[in-house]
Amino acid sequence: MKKDKIKIVDEQLNEDGIRCFLNKRPADGSSEDFHILLKAYRGLNEENFATFISLFKGEGRSTSALNKTGESLYDIVKKHKKSAAYTKLLAPES
């Protein structure tokens, strides 16, 4: 069977396209902030994610939000290879 979708790599979105990720809501009652962060991490390249984090924080949202098992997105992402740019953006402020 032939794939019907083309994979787009490193697509540069405008601010409105990035802002759409702020509207993602969990269906299972989990932390809204964590869910939004996870969707953005999975869907945005590094440059777009940096813009997203700025917008996210500008809305007063928390990058330290936890999932149902008590992990932040930073805790999860730091285990991934090639995630240095993302972990830098998600690192807890001291």
Protein backbone atom coordinates (compact mmCIF):
# COMPACT_ATOMS: atom_id res chain seq x y z
CA MET A 1 0.00 0.00 0.00
CA LYS A 2 1.32 3.41 -0.94
CA LYS A 3 1.71 6.10 1.73
CA ASP A 4 -0.66 8.98 1.13
CA LYS A 5 1.18 11.57 3.19
CA ILE A 6 4.53 13.17 2.62
CA LYS A 7 6.77 13.55 5.65
CA ILE A 8 7.80 17.16 6.09
CA VAL A 9 11.11 17.68 7.82
CA ASP A 10 12.19 20.98 9.38
CA GLU A 11 9.18 22.91 8.17
CA GLN A 12 9.35 26.52 9.32
CA LEU A 13 5.97 27.66 10.62
CA ASN A 14 4.82 31.21 11.12
CA GLU A 15 3.80 32.37 14.59
CA ASP A 16 0.12 31.55 13.99
CA GLY A 17 1.02 27.98 13.06
CA ILE A 18 3.13 27.63 16.19
CA ARG A 19 0.45 29.27 18.33
CA CYS A 20 -2.00 26.50 17.29
CA PHE A 21 -0.15 24.15 19.63
CA LEU A 22 -1.35 26.29 22.56
CA ASN A 23 -4.89 25.10 21.80
CA LYS A 24 -4.18 21.37 22.22
CA ARG A 25 -6.17 19.96 25.14
CA PRO A 26 -5.93 16.54 26.78
CA ALA A 27 -8.90 14.22 26.48
CA ASP A 28 -7.96 12.18 29.54
CA GLY A 29 -7.96 14.85 32.25
CA SER A 30 -4.18 14.98 32.49
CA SER A 31 -2.22 18.19 33.04
CA GLU A 32 -3.09 20.67 30.32
CA ASP A 33 0.35 22.32 30.39
CA PHE A 34 2.17 18.98 30.14
CA HIS A 35 -0.07 17.82 27.29
CA ILE A 36 0.48 21.03 25.32
CA LEU A 37 4.25 20.84 25.85
CA LEU A 38 4.38 17.20 24.75
CA LYS A 39 2.38 17.87 21.57
CA ALA A 40 4.63 20.81 20.70
CA TYR A 41 7.80 18.78 21.38
CA ARG A 42 6.58 16.00 19.12
CA GLY A 43 5.39 18.33 16.38
CA LEU A 44 7.87 21.18 16.14
CA ASN A 45 11.49 21.45 15.07
CA GLU A 46 14.01 23.11 17.40
CA GLU A 47 13.58 26.64 16.07
CA ASN A 48 9.79 26.48 16.10
CA PHE A 49 9.85 24.92 19.57
CA ALA A 50 11.93 27.85 20.88
CA THR A 51 9.28 30.26 19.59
CA PHE A 52 6.56 28.07 21.08
CA ILE A 53 8.20 28.09 24.53
CA SER A 54 8.28 31.88 24.48
CA LEU A 55 4.56 32.01 23.62
CA PHE A 56 3.78 29.28 26.17
CA LYS A 57 5.53 31.10 29.00
CA GLY A 58 3.97 34.37 27.85
CA GLU A 59 0.58 32.85 28.66
CA GLY A 60 1.78 32.11 32.19
CA ARG A 61 1.99 28.36 31.57
CA SER A 62 4.47 26.11 33.36
CA THR A 63 7.27 24.17 31.65
CA SER A 64 7.57 22.22 34.92
CA ALA A 65 4.12 20.62 34.54
CA LEU A 66 4.06 16.90 35.35
CA ASN A 67 2.46 13.93 33.63
CA LYS A 68 0.44 11.28 35.48
CA THR A 69 3.64 9.48 36.56
CA GLY A 70 5.21 12.62 38.01
CA GLU A 71 7.66 13.38 35.21
CA SER A 72 8.15 16.75 33.56
CA LEU A 73 8.78 16.97 29.83
CA TYR A 74 12.37 17.95 30.69
CA ASP A 75 12.76 14.63 32.59
CA ILE A 76 11.58 12.72 29.53
CA VAL A 77 13.39 14.69 26.83
CA LYS A 78 16.80 14.64 28.52
CA LYS A 79 16.84 10.85 27.96
CA HIS A 80 16.53 11.29 24.18
CA LYS A 81 19.51 11.44 21.86
CA LYS A 82 19.93 14.71 19.98
CA SER A 83 17.69 16.61 22.41
CA ALA A 84 20.20 19.16 23.73
CA ALA A 85 18.41 22.17 22.19
CA TYR A 86 15.08 21.04 23.64
CA THR A 87 16.45 20.28 27.10
CA LYS A 88 18.10 23.70 27.21
CA LEU A 89 14.72 25.32 26.54
CA LEU A 90 12.96 23.12 29.13
CA ALA A 91 15.63 23.19 31.85
CA PRO A 92 14.25 24.19 35.24
CA GLU A 93 15.17 27.72 36.18
CA SER A 94 17.37 27.98 39.25
